[in-house]
C-alpha cells in the first residue's frame, strides 16, 4: 500500500483545483496573477467580528483600485458562481418574473 506517484507538479494541481479567498487583503489582490485570477474570490466574512462591515465596500474599492473591470467581475462574482455551480442569470430572470407576477396580481 502507499501513495500513488503523481503525474504533475503539486503546483499544477493547485492551479487547477484550488480557489483562494480574501476579504481584507490588498496583497491578495496584487498577487492574483500568481495564483490565477480565475481562482480568486472576495468575501466579506459578515457577520463575524473580523469583518470590515459596514465599511467593506469602501475597503474593497481601495483594494481594487486599478484592477481591470473583467478581473473585478471574476473576483467579485463570476468565480464564485463557477465554484458553487450557480446560475445567477437564471436566478435574475426568475426574480424578474416573480416581481412581474406579483405586480400583475398573481399573488394574494
N, C-alpha and C. Protein backbone atom coordinates (compact mmCIF):
# COMPACT_ATOMS: atom_id res chain seq x y z
N UNK A 1 0.85 -1.16 0.00
CA UNK A 1 0.00 0.00 0.00
C UNK A 1 0.89 1.23 0.00
N UNK A 2 0.35 2.34 -0.18
CA UNK A 2 1.12 3.57 -0.21
C UNK A 2 0.46 4.55 -1.14
N UNK A 3 1.12 5.64 -1.31
CA UNK A 3 0.58 6.66 -2.19
C UNK A 3 1.00 6.42 -3.62
N UNK A 4 0.12 6.73 -4.52
CA UNK A 4 0.45 6.63 -5.93
C UNK A 4 1.30 7.83 -6.32
N UNK A 5 2.22 7.62 -7.22
CA UNK A 5 3.05 8.70 -7.71
C UNK A 5 2.18 9.64 -8.54
N UNK A 6 2.32 10.94 -8.28
CA UNK A 6 1.53 11.90 -9.04
C UNK A 6 2.22 12.19 -10.37
N UNK A 7 1.42 12.54 -11.35
CA UNK A 7 1.96 12.73 -12.70
C UNK A 7 2.34 14.18 -13.00
N UNK A 8 1.92 15.09 -12.15
CA UNK A 8 2.24 16.50 -12.37
C UNK A 8 2.80 17.11 -11.10
N UNK A 9 3.29 18.34 -11.20
CA UNK A 9 3.80 19.06 -10.04
C UNK A 9 2.61 19.41 -9.12
N UNK A 10 2.83 19.45 -7.81
CA UNK A 10 1.75 19.85 -6.90
C UNK A 10 1.16 21.22 -7.25
N UNK A 11 2.00 22.14 -7.70
CA UNK A 11 1.51 23.47 -8.06
C UNK A 11 0.52 23.41 -9.22
N UNK A 12 0.67 22.46 -10.11
CA UNK A 12 -0.26 22.32 -11.23
C UNK A 12 -1.63 21.86 -10.74
N UNK A 13 -1.65 20.98 -9.75
CA UNK A 13 -2.92 20.57 -9.16
C UNK A 13 -3.59 21.74 -8.45
N UNK A 14 -2.79 22.53 -7.73
CA UNK A 14 -3.33 23.69 -7.03
C UNK A 14 -3.90 24.70 -8.02
N UNK A 15 -3.19 24.96 -9.11
CA UNK A 15 -3.68 25.90 -10.12
C UNK A 15 -5.01 25.46 -10.69
N UNK A 16 -5.21 24.18 -10.84
CA UNK A 16 -6.42 23.66 -11.45
C UNK A 16 -7.57 23.53 -10.45
N UNK A 17 -7.29 23.16 -9.20
CA UNK A 17 -8.35 22.78 -8.28
C UNK A 17 -8.54 23.70 -7.08
N UNK A 18 -7.58 24.52 -6.73
CA UNK A 18 -7.69 25.34 -5.52
C UNK A 18 -8.25 26.73 -5.85
N UNK A 19 -9.06 27.23 -4.95
CA UNK A 19 -9.57 28.59 -5.03
C UNK A 19 -9.06 29.35 -3.81
N UNK A 20 -8.81 30.64 -3.98
CA UNK A 20 -8.20 31.44 -2.92
C UNK A 20 -9.15 32.57 -2.57
N UNK A 21 -9.51 32.65 -1.31
CA UNK A 21 -10.42 33.68 -0.85
C UNK A 21 -9.70 34.77 -0.08
N UNK A 22 -10.25 35.98 -0.13
CA UNK A 22 -9.71 37.09 0.64
C UNK A 22 -10.86 38.03 0.99
N UNK A 23 -10.70 38.82 2.05
CA UNK A 23 -11.69 39.84 2.32
C UNK A 23 -11.06 41.17 2.71
N UNK A 24 -9.93 41.18 3.34
CA UNK A 24 -9.22 42.43 3.64
C UNK A 24 -7.74 42.15 3.39
N UNK A 25 -7.39 42.12 2.11
CA UNK A 25 -6.07 41.65 1.75
C UNK A 25 -5.60 42.29 0.45
N UNK A 26 -5.05 43.52 0.51
CA UNK A 26 -4.59 44.14 -0.72
C UNK A 26 -3.48 43.34 -1.41
N UNK A 27 -2.68 42.61 -0.65
CA UNK A 27 -1.63 41.78 -1.25
C UNK A 27 -2.26 40.63 -2.04
N UNK A 28 -3.36 40.08 -1.53
CA UNK A 28 -4.08 39.03 -2.26
C UNK A 28 -4.53 39.51 -3.63
N UNK A 29 -4.99 40.75 -3.70
CA UNK A 29 -5.41 41.32 -4.99
C UNK A 29 -4.18 41.49 -5.89
N UNK A 30 -3.09 41.98 -5.33
CA UNK A 30 -1.88 42.19 -6.12
C UNK A 30 -1.31 40.88 -6.66
N UNK A 31 -1.45 39.80 -5.90
CA UNK A 31 -0.88 38.51 -6.31
C UNK A 31 -1.83 37.66 -7.17
N UNK A 32 -2.94 38.22 -7.60
CA UNK A 32 -3.96 37.45 -8.32
C UNK A 32 -3.43 36.75 -9.57
N UNK A 33 -2.43 37.33 -10.21
CA UNK A 33 -1.90 36.70 -11.42
C UNK A 33 -0.94 35.55 -11.10
N UNK A 34 -0.42 35.52 -9.90
CA UNK A 34 0.46 34.43 -9.50
C UNK A 34 -0.32 33.15 -9.18
N UNK A 35 -1.53 33.32 -8.65
CA UNK A 35 -2.34 32.15 -8.32
C UNK A 35 -3.41 31.89 -9.37
N UNK A 36 -3.64 32.86 -10.23
CA UNK A 36 -4.63 32.73 -11.29
C UNK A 36 -5.90 33.50 -10.94
N UNK A 37 -6.16 34.57 -11.65
CA UNK A 37 -7.31 35.42 -11.35
C UNK A 37 -8.63 34.65 -11.46
N UNK A 38 -8.64 33.55 -12.18
CA UNK A 38 -9.85 32.74 -12.31
C UNK A 38 -10.15 31.93 -11.06
N UNK A 39 -9.24 31.94 -10.08
CA UNK A 39 -9.42 31.16 -8.86
C UNK A 39 -9.32 32.02 -7.59
N UNK A 40 -9.60 33.31 -7.72
CA UNK A 40 -9.55 34.22 -6.58
C UNK A 40 -10.97 34.72 -6.32
N UNK A 41 -11.40 34.70 -5.04
CA UNK A 41 -12.76 35.11 -4.70
C UNK A 41 -12.75 36.02 -3.47
N UNK A 42 -13.49 37.12 -3.56
CA UNK A 42 -13.64 38.01 -2.42
C UNK A 42 -14.88 37.61 -1.62
N UNK A 43 -14.79 37.74 -0.31
CA UNK A 43 -15.93 37.55 0.57
C UNK A 43 -15.84 38.52 1.73
N UNK A 44 -16.97 38.93 2.26
CA UNK A 44 -16.98 39.94 3.32
C UNK A 44 -16.76 39.35 4.70
N UNK A 45 -16.97 38.06 4.87
CA UNK A 45 -16.89 37.36 6.15
C UNK A 45 -17.91 37.88 7.15
N UNK A 46 -18.94 38.57 6.66
CA UNK A 46 -20.04 39.03 7.51
C UNK A 46 -20.83 37.82 7.96
N UNK A 47 -21.28 37.69 9.14
CA UNK A 47 -21.34 38.64 10.25
C UNK A 47 -20.28 38.43 11.32
N UNK A 48 -19.18 37.81 11.01
CA UNK A 48 -18.13 37.57 12.01
C UNK A 48 -17.49 38.87 12.46
N UNK A 49 -16.92 38.85 13.64
CA UNK A 49 -16.31 40.05 14.21
C UNK A 49 -15.17 40.61 13.37
N UNK A 50 -14.47 39.76 12.64
CA UNK A 50 -13.32 40.24 11.87
C UNK A 50 -13.72 40.91 10.57
N UNK A 51 -15.00 40.97 10.26
CA UNK A 51 -15.45 41.60 9.03
C UNK A 51 -15.17 43.10 9.05
N UNK A 52 -15.17 43.73 7.92
CA UNK A 52 -14.97 45.18 7.84
C UNK A 52 -16.29 45.93 7.65
N UNK A 53 -17.42 45.22 7.76
CA UNK A 53 -18.72 45.84 7.66
C UNK A 53 -18.89 46.84 8.78
N UNK A 54 -19.43 48.00 8.56
CA UNK A 54 -20.15 48.47 7.36
C UNK A 54 -19.26 49.18 6.35
N UNK A 55 -17.97 49.10 6.50
CA UNK A 55 -17.03 49.78 5.60
C UNK A 55 -16.46 48.86 4.53
N UNK A 56 -17.06 47.68 4.34
CA UNK A 56 -16.49 46.70 3.41
C UNK A 56 -16.44 47.18 1.97
N UNK A 57 -17.47 47.91 1.52
CA UNK A 57 -17.46 48.39 0.14
C UNK A 57 -16.37 49.45 -0.08
N UNK A 58 -16.17 50.30 0.92
CA UNK A 58 -15.11 51.31 0.83
C UNK A 58 -13.74 50.62 0.78
N UNK A 59 -13.53 49.65 1.69
CA UNK A 59 -12.27 48.92 1.72
C UNK A 59 -12.04 48.18 0.40
N UNK A 60 -13.09 47.56 -0.10
CA UNK A 60 -12.97 46.81 -1.35
C UNK A 60 -12.61 47.75 -2.51
N UNK A 61 -13.21 48.91 -2.57
CA UNK A 61 -12.88 49.88 -3.62
C UNK A 61 -11.41 50.29 -3.55
N UNK A 62 -10.90 50.46 -2.34
CA UNK A 62 -9.48 50.82 -2.18
C UNK A 62 -8.58 49.69 -2.65
N UNK A 63 -8.91 48.45 -2.27
CA UNK A 63 -8.08 47.31 -2.65
C UNK A 63 -8.14 47.03 -4.15
N UNK A 64 -9.27 47.34 -4.78
CA UNK A 64 -9.47 47.03 -6.20
C UNK A 64 -9.11 48.19 -7.12
N UNK A 65 -8.61 49.28 -6.55
CA UNK A 65 -8.23 50.42 -7.38
C UNK A 65 -7.22 49.98 -8.45
N UNK A 66 -7.51 50.28 -9.68
CA UNK A 66 -6.61 49.94 -10.77
C UNK A 66 -6.77 48.54 -11.33
N UNK A 67 -7.65 47.73 -10.75
CA UNK A 67 -7.89 46.38 -11.25
C UNK A 67 -8.87 46.47 -12.43
N UNK A 68 -8.53 45.88 -13.58
CA UNK A 68 -9.43 45.94 -14.73
C UNK A 68 -10.81 45.35 -14.42
N UNK A 69 -11.83 45.91 -15.06
CA UNK A 69 -13.22 45.51 -14.80
C UNK A 69 -13.45 44.01 -14.97
N UNK A 70 -12.87 43.40 -16.00
CA UNK A 70 -13.09 41.96 -16.21
C UNK A 70 -12.53 41.13 -15.05
N UNK A 71 -11.41 41.55 -14.49
CA UNK A 71 -10.83 40.84 -13.35
C UNK A 71 -11.65 41.08 -12.08
N UNK A 72 -12.16 42.29 -11.92
CA UNK A 72 -13.04 42.59 -10.77
C UNK A 72 -14.27 41.69 -10.81
N UNK A 73 -14.89 41.59 -11.99
CA UNK A 73 -16.09 40.75 -12.13
C UNK A 73 -15.79 39.31 -11.74
N UNK A 74 -14.64 38.81 -12.15
CA UNK A 74 -14.26 37.44 -11.81
C UNK A 74 -14.12 37.27 -10.30
N UNK A 75 -13.36 38.15 -9.67
CA UNK A 75 -13.07 38.01 -8.24
C UNK A 75 -14.29 38.29 -7.36
N UNK A 76 -15.22 39.12 -7.84
CA UNK A 76 -16.36 39.52 -7.02
C UNK A 76 -17.62 38.70 -7.30
N UNK A 77 -17.62 37.87 -8.33
CA UNK A 77 -18.84 37.13 -8.60
C UNK A 77 -18.71 35.93 -9.52
N UNK A 78 -18.09 36.13 -10.66
CA UNK A 78 -18.05 35.05 -11.65
C UNK A 78 -17.34 33.80 -11.13
N UNK A 79 -16.24 33.98 -10.41
CA UNK A 79 -15.52 32.81 -9.88
C UNK A 79 -16.35 32.09 -8.82
N UNK A 80 -17.09 32.85 -8.03
CA UNK A 80 -17.96 32.26 -7.01
C UNK A 80 -19.08 31.47 -7.68
N UNK A 81 -19.66 32.07 -8.71
CA UNK A 81 -20.72 31.41 -9.47
C UNK A 81 -20.21 30.08 -10.05
N UNK A 82 -19.00 30.10 -10.59
CA UNK A 82 -18.42 28.89 -11.17
C UNK A 82 -18.10 27.85 -10.09
N UNK A 83 -17.51 28.27 -8.99
CA UNK A 83 -17.12 27.36 -7.92
C UNK A 83 -18.32 26.64 -7.32
N UNK A 84 -19.41 27.38 -7.09
CA UNK A 84 -20.59 26.79 -6.47
C UNK A 84 -21.61 26.28 -7.49
N UNK A 85 -21.25 26.32 -8.77
CA UNK A 85 -22.14 25.85 -9.84
C UNK A 85 -23.48 26.57 -9.79
N UNK A 86 -23.45 27.89 -9.67
CA UNK A 86 -24.66 28.70 -9.62
C UNK A 86 -25.01 29.19 -11.01
N UNK A 87 -26.26 29.47 -11.22
CA UNK A 87 -26.73 30.08 -12.47
C UNK A 87 -27.40 31.39 -12.09
N UNK A 88 -26.60 32.43 -11.91
CA UNK A 88 -27.12 33.70 -11.44
C UNK A 88 -28.01 34.38 -12.47
N UNK A 89 -27.78 34.12 -13.76
CA UNK A 89 -28.65 34.68 -14.79
C UNK A 89 -30.05 34.10 -14.65
N UNK A 90 -30.15 32.79 -14.41
CA UNK A 90 -31.46 32.16 -14.23
C UNK A 90 -32.15 32.72 -13.00
N UNK A 91 -31.40 32.93 -11.93
CA UNK A 91 -31.98 33.48 -10.71
C UNK A 91 -32.49 34.89 -10.98
N UNK A 92 -31.74 35.68 -11.72
CA UNK A 92 -32.16 37.03 -12.04
C UNK A 92 -33.44 37.00 -12.88
N UNK A 93 -33.50 36.12 -13.88
CA UNK A 93 -34.70 36.00 -14.70
C UNK A 93 -35.88 35.58 -13.85
N UNK A 94 -35.67 34.66 -12.93
CA UNK A 94 -36.72 34.19 -12.04
C UNK A 94 -37.22 35.32 -11.15
N UNK A 95 -36.31 36.11 -10.64
CA UNK A 95 -36.68 37.23 -9.78
C UNK A 95 -37.50 38.26 -10.54
N UNK A 96 -37.10 38.54 -11.77
CA UNK A 96 -37.84 39.50 -12.60
C UNK A 96 -39.24 38.96 -12.87
N UNK A 97 -39.34 37.68 -13.22
CA UNK A 97 -40.64 37.08 -13.49
C UNK A 97 -41.52 37.10 -12.24
N UNK A 98 -40.93 36.85 -11.08
CA UNK A 98 -41.67 36.86 -9.83
C UNK A 98 -42.22 38.25 -9.53
N UNK A 99 -41.40 39.28 -9.74
CA UNK A 99 -41.87 40.64 -9.50
C UNK A 99 -43.01 41.00 -10.45
N UNK A 100 -42.89 40.58 -11.72
CA UNK A 100 -43.92 40.86 -12.70
C UNK A 100 -45.21 40.15 -12.30
N UNK A 101 -45.11 38.89 -11.87
CA UNK A 101 -46.27 38.11 -11.47
C UNK A 101 -46.98 38.77 -10.29
N UNK A 102 -46.20 39.25 -9.31
CA UNK A 102 -46.76 39.92 -8.14
C UNK A 102 -47.43 41.24 -8.54
N UNK A 103 -46.79 42.00 -9.39
CA UNK A 103 -47.30 43.30 -9.83
C UNK A 103 -48.61 43.13 -10.60
N UNK A 104 -48.74 42.02 -11.35
CA UNK A 104 -49.93 41.81 -12.17
C UNK A 104 -51.05 41.12 -11.41
N UNK A 105 -50.91 41.01 -10.09
CA UNK A 105 -52.00 40.48 -9.30
C UNK A 105 -51.98 38.99 -9.12
N UNK A 106 -50.89 38.34 -9.44
CA UNK A 106 -50.82 36.87 -9.30
C UNK A 106 -50.60 36.43 -7.88
N UNK A 107 -50.31 37.35 -6.99
CA UNK A 107 -50.04 37.00 -5.60
C UNK A 107 -51.16 37.57 -4.73
N UNK A 108 -51.74 36.77 -3.82
CA UNK A 108 -52.84 37.27 -2.98
C UNK A 108 -52.42 38.39 -2.08
